[in-house]
Amino acid sequence: MATQRKHLVKDFNPYITCYICKGYLIKPTTVTECLHTFCKTCIVQHFEDSNDCPRCGNQVHETPKVDEEGDENQDDKDYHRSDPQIAICLDCLRNNGQSGDNVVKGLMKKFIRCSTRVTVGTIKKFLSLKLKLPSSYELDVLCNGEIMGKDHTMEFIYMTRWRLRGENFRCLNCSASQVCPQDGPLYQSYPMVLQYRPRIDFG
């Protein structure tokens, strides 16, 4: 009979300690953009001074800045046009006779370009408006067959779920994939594909 190796708590320390305070995680809070976890109070205090993840430096989704009167500054609004953009193909997933298939149709124009900060919830609202769905009607949005949560951003899905991301950007000058020896500007060579269908309740 094989003996089982006993693990000490210190073996798990890299997974249960906070990068900021170096103590054990208290109310662990995960940054959705990069999936790093910190103590809730530590990360909240950090975000008062910076919008970057303290571990990897990735920029975390910013909240809209509000002036003294409580109204958003109208002059600086660009509706996320200056954000990094991503091309998306919204493809209707048909399930042969599933109820709701006759309501959910394919889009006339299924290719869109949007901010990488757009969430799945916003994509669902966009689809509902374009397909003229009743307000009570719900959709599932999938990437590579996996249902995406409503708070997932397009950047998060692209980095963690989209299988072709390594080949998706090419140099504008020489068409080299991902890394250009000439440091040319990159463009997205084909869109990330998201599928949608009527919501399926499993419970």
Protein backbone atom coordinates (compact mmCIF):
# COMPACT_ATOMS: atom_id res chain seq x y z
CA MET A 1 0.00 0.00 0.00
CA ALA A 2 1.42 3.34 -1.09
CA THR A 3 1.89 5.90 1.67
CA GLN A 4 0.20 9.22 1.13
CA ARG A 5 2.40 12.28 1.35
CA LYS A 6 1.27 14.78 3.96
CA HIS A 7 1.23 18.40 2.86
CA LEU A 8 2.14 21.22 5.18
CA VAL A 9 0.28 24.54 5.18
CA LYS A 10 3.49 26.28 4.07
CA ASP A 11 3.35 24.24 0.84
CA PHE A 12 0.15 26.13 -0.06
CA ASN A 13 1.38 29.59 0.98
CA PRO A 14 1.90 30.86 -2.59
CA TYR A 15 -1.79 30.19 -3.26
CA ILE A 16 -3.32 31.55 -0.05
CA THR A 17 -1.22 34.63 0.71
CA CYS A 18 -1.85 38.21 -0.41
CA TYR A 19 0.77 39.70 -2.73
CA ILE A 20 0.27 43.15 -1.18
CA CYS A 21 0.38 42.54 2.60
CA LYS A 22 2.16 39.13 2.44
CA GLY A 23 -0.34 37.73 5.00
CA TYR A 24 -2.98 35.03 4.58
CA LEU A 25 -5.91 36.08 2.38
CA ILE A 26 -8.76 37.74 4.30
CA LYS A 27 -11.97 38.02 2.23
CA PRO A 28 -10.15 36.98 -0.98
CA THR A 29 -11.02 39.20 -3.93
CA THR A 30 -10.04 38.33 -7.51
CA VAL A 31 -9.32 40.89 -10.24
CA THR A 32 -11.40 39.68 -13.19
CA GLU A 33 -9.05 41.03 -15.88
CA CYS A 34 -6.02 38.95 -14.80
CA LEU A 35 -7.42 36.55 -12.14
CA HIS A 36 -4.95 37.58 -9.41
CA THR A 37 -6.35 37.37 -5.86
CA PHE A 38 -5.73 39.73 -2.92
CA CYS A 39 -7.23 40.61 0.47
CA LYS A 40 -10.32 42.73 -0.12
CA THR A 41 -9.10 45.67 1.99
CA CYS A 42 -5.63 45.56 0.38
CA ILE A 43 -6.91 45.69 -3.19
CA VAL A 44 -9.53 48.35 -2.41
CA GLN A 45 -6.83 50.58 -0.87
CA HIS A 46 -4.55 49.93 -3.84
CA PHE A 47 -7.27 50.94 -6.33
CA GLU A 48 -7.69 54.30 -4.59
CA ASP A 49 -4.27 55.26 -5.99
CA SER A 50 -3.90 53.13 -9.10
CA ASN A 51 -5.98 51.25 -11.69
CA ASP A 52 -3.27 48.65 -12.32
CA CYS A 53 -3.08 45.15 -10.87
CA PRO A 54 -0.33 45.27 -8.21
CA ARG A 55 0.98 41.85 -9.27
CA CYS A 56 1.12 42.00 -13.08
CA GLY A 57 0.52 45.68 -13.87
CA ASN A 58 -2.45 45.04 -16.21
CA GLN A 59 -4.94 47.89 -16.29
CA VAL A 60 -8.16 47.09 -14.47
CA HIS A 61 -11.57 48.22 -15.78
CA GLU A 62 -11.99 51.91 -14.85
CA THR A 63 -15.21 53.31 -13.44
CA PRO A 64 -16.49 56.61 -15.03
CA LYS A 65 -14.97 59.72 -13.45
CA VAL A 66 -17.54 62.03 -11.80
CA ASP A 67 -17.07 65.76 -11.15
CA GLU A 68 -18.10 67.73 -8.03
CA GLU A 69 -21.73 68.16 -9.11
CA GLY A 70 -22.11 64.42 -9.59
CA ASP A 71 -22.57 64.67 -13.37
CA GLU A 72 -20.20 63.03 -15.78
CA ASN A 73 -17.93 65.44 -17.61
CA GLN A 74 -19.60 65.78 -21.02
CA ASP A 75 -16.49 67.24 -22.73
CA ASP A 76 -14.33 64.17 -22.04
CA LYS A 77 -16.90 61.53 -22.99
CA ASP A 78 -15.75 59.41 -25.91
CA TYR A 79 -17.94 56.38 -25.16
CA HIS A 80 -14.84 54.13 -25.02
CA ARG A 81 -13.81 54.95 -28.60
CA SER A 82 -10.21 55.49 -27.45
CA ASP A 83 -10.12 52.05 -25.76
CA PRO A 84 -8.36 49.14 -27.45
CA GLN A 85 -10.85 47.69 -29.96
CA ILE A 86 -11.71 44.09 -30.77
CA ALA A 87 -13.49 42.58 -33.78
CA ILE A 88 -16.24 40.09 -32.92
CA CYS A 89 -18.40 37.77 -34.98
CA LEU A 90 -21.82 37.16 -33.37
CA ASP A 91 -23.03 33.81 -34.65
CA CYS A 92 -26.49 32.35 -34.00
CA LEU A 93 -26.25 28.82 -32.54
CA ARG A 94 -29.14 26.65 -33.69
CA ASN A 95 -30.18 23.58 -31.69
CA ASN A 96 -32.59 21.79 -34.05
CA GLY A 97 -36.08 22.27 -32.69
CA GLN A 98 -35.24 23.79 -29.32
CA SER A 99 -38.02 26.06 -28.11
CA GLY A 100 -37.15 29.65 -28.97
CA ASP A 101 -35.27 28.78 -32.17
CA ASN A 102 -37.96 30.54 -34.23
CA VAL A 103 -37.53 33.75 -32.14
CA VAL A 104 -33.72 33.93 -32.18
CA LYS A 105 -32.43 34.50 -35.69
CA GLY A 106 -29.07 35.29 -37.22
CA LEU A 107 -28.06 38.94 -37.52
CA MET A 108 -27.98 40.63 -40.93
CA LYS A 109 -24.58 42.11 -39.99
CA LYS A 110 -22.90 39.75 -37.57
CA PHE A 111 -19.47 41.42 -37.46
CA ILE A 112 -18.97 44.24 -34.95
CA ARG A 113 -16.03 46.20 -33.56
CA CYS A 114 -16.22 47.32 -29.94
CA SER A 115 -14.15 48.22 -26.89
CA THR A 116 -12.32 45.38 -25.16
CA ARG A 117 -14.07 46.59 -21.98
CA VAL A 118 -17.54 45.70 -23.27
CA THR A 119 -19.17 43.01 -21.13
CA VAL A 120 -21.23 39.98 -22.14
CA GLY A 121 -24.23 41.71 -20.51
CA THR A 122 -23.85 44.59 -22.98
CA ILE A 123 -23.56 42.16 -25.89
CA LYS A 124 -26.81 40.49 -24.71
CA LYS A 125 -28.57 43.89 -24.65
CA PHE A 126 -27.22 44.66 -28.13
CA LEU A 127 -28.53 41.32 -29.44
CA SER A 128 -31.92 41.82 -27.78
CA LEU A 129 -32.29 45.24 -29.46
CA LYS A 130 -31.12 44.05 -32.88
CA LEU A 131 -33.33 40.92 -32.79
CA LYS A 132 -36.29 42.84 -31.29
CA LEU A 133 -36.65 40.29 -28.47
CA PRO A 134 -39.16 40.77 -25.62
CA SER A 135 -37.58 42.22 -22.47
CA SER A 136 -38.23 38.98 -20.57
CA TYR A 137 -36.40 36.88 -23.18
CA GLU A 138 -32.93 35.71 -22.14
CA LEU A 139 -29.95 34.60 -24.21
CA ASP A 140 -26.82 32.55 -23.56
CA VAL A 141 -23.56 33.84 -25.05
CA LEU A 142 -20.87 31.21 -25.63
CA CYS A 143 -17.21 31.13 -26.63
CA ASN A 144 -15.80 27.78 -27.78
CA GLY A 145 -18.96 26.07 -26.47
CA GLU A 146 -18.66 27.50 -22.92
CA ILE A 147 -21.36 29.82 -21.54
CA MET A 148 -19.88 33.22 -20.63
CA GLY A 149 -20.85 35.13 -17.48
CA LYS A 150 -22.59 38.50 -17.93
CA ASP A 151 -19.73 40.41 -16.26
CA HIS A 152 -16.95 38.93 -18.43
CA THR A 153 -15.28 41.58 -20.59
CA MET A 154 -14.31 40.91 -24.20
CA GLU A 155 -10.65 41.24 -23.17
CA PHE A 156 -11.07 38.60 -20.44
CA ILE A 157 -12.77 36.20 -22.88
CA TYR A 158 -10.12 36.85 -25.52
CA MET A 159 -7.27 36.19 -23.06
CA THR A 160 -8.77 33.15 -21.31
CA ARG A 161 -11.25 31.44 -23.64
CA TRP A 162 -10.52 32.26 -27.28
CA ARG A 163 -8.35 29.44 -28.68
CA LEU A 164 -6.94 31.25 -31.72
CA ARG A 165 -5.65 34.34 -29.94
CA GLY A 166 -1.95 33.64 -30.59
CA GLU A 167 -2.49 33.79 -34.35
CA ASN A 168 -5.07 36.56 -34.34
CA PHE A 169 -2.84 39.62 -34.72
CA ARG A 170 -0.62 40.25 -37.73
CA CYS A 171 1.78 43.04 -38.68
CA LEU A 172 0.30 45.65 -41.02
CA ASN A 173 3.64 45.99 -42.86
CA CYS A 174 4.88 42.42 -43.34
CA SER A 175 1.96 40.18 -42.17
CA ALA A 176 4.18 38.50 -39.56
CA SER A 177 2.12 36.76 -36.89
CA GLN A 178 2.07 38.29 -33.38
CA VAL A 179 5.73 39.48 -33.20
CA CYS A 180 7.04 41.62 -36.03
CA PRO A 181 10.83 41.93 -36.51
CA GLN A 182 10.20 45.43 -37.91
CA ASP A 183 8.01 46.49 -34.95
CA GLY A 184 5.19 47.31 -37.36
CA PRO A 185 1.63 48.13 -36.21
CA LEU A 186 -0.55 45.08 -35.52
CA TYR A 187 -4.06 44.48 -36.78
CA GLN A 188 -6.59 41.81 -35.84
CA SER A 189 -6.56 39.38 -38.78
CA TYR A 190 -9.89 37.67 -38.01
CA PRO A 191 -12.59 38.22 -35.39
CA MET A 192 -13.22 36.44 -32.12
CA VAL A 193 -16.36 34.32 -32.54
CA LEU A 194 -19.12 34.47 -29.92
CA GLN A 195 -22.23 32.37 -30.33
CA TYR A 196 -25.69 33.12 -28.95
CA ARG A 197 -28.80 31.01 -28.41
CA PRO A 198 -32.00 31.02 -26.35
CA ARG A 199 -31.16 30.57 -22.67
CA ILE A 200 -31.24 26.96 -21.44
CA ASP A 201 -32.23 26.42 -17.79
CA PHE A 202 -30.47 23.34 -16.39
CA GLY A 203 -32.13 23.47 -12.98
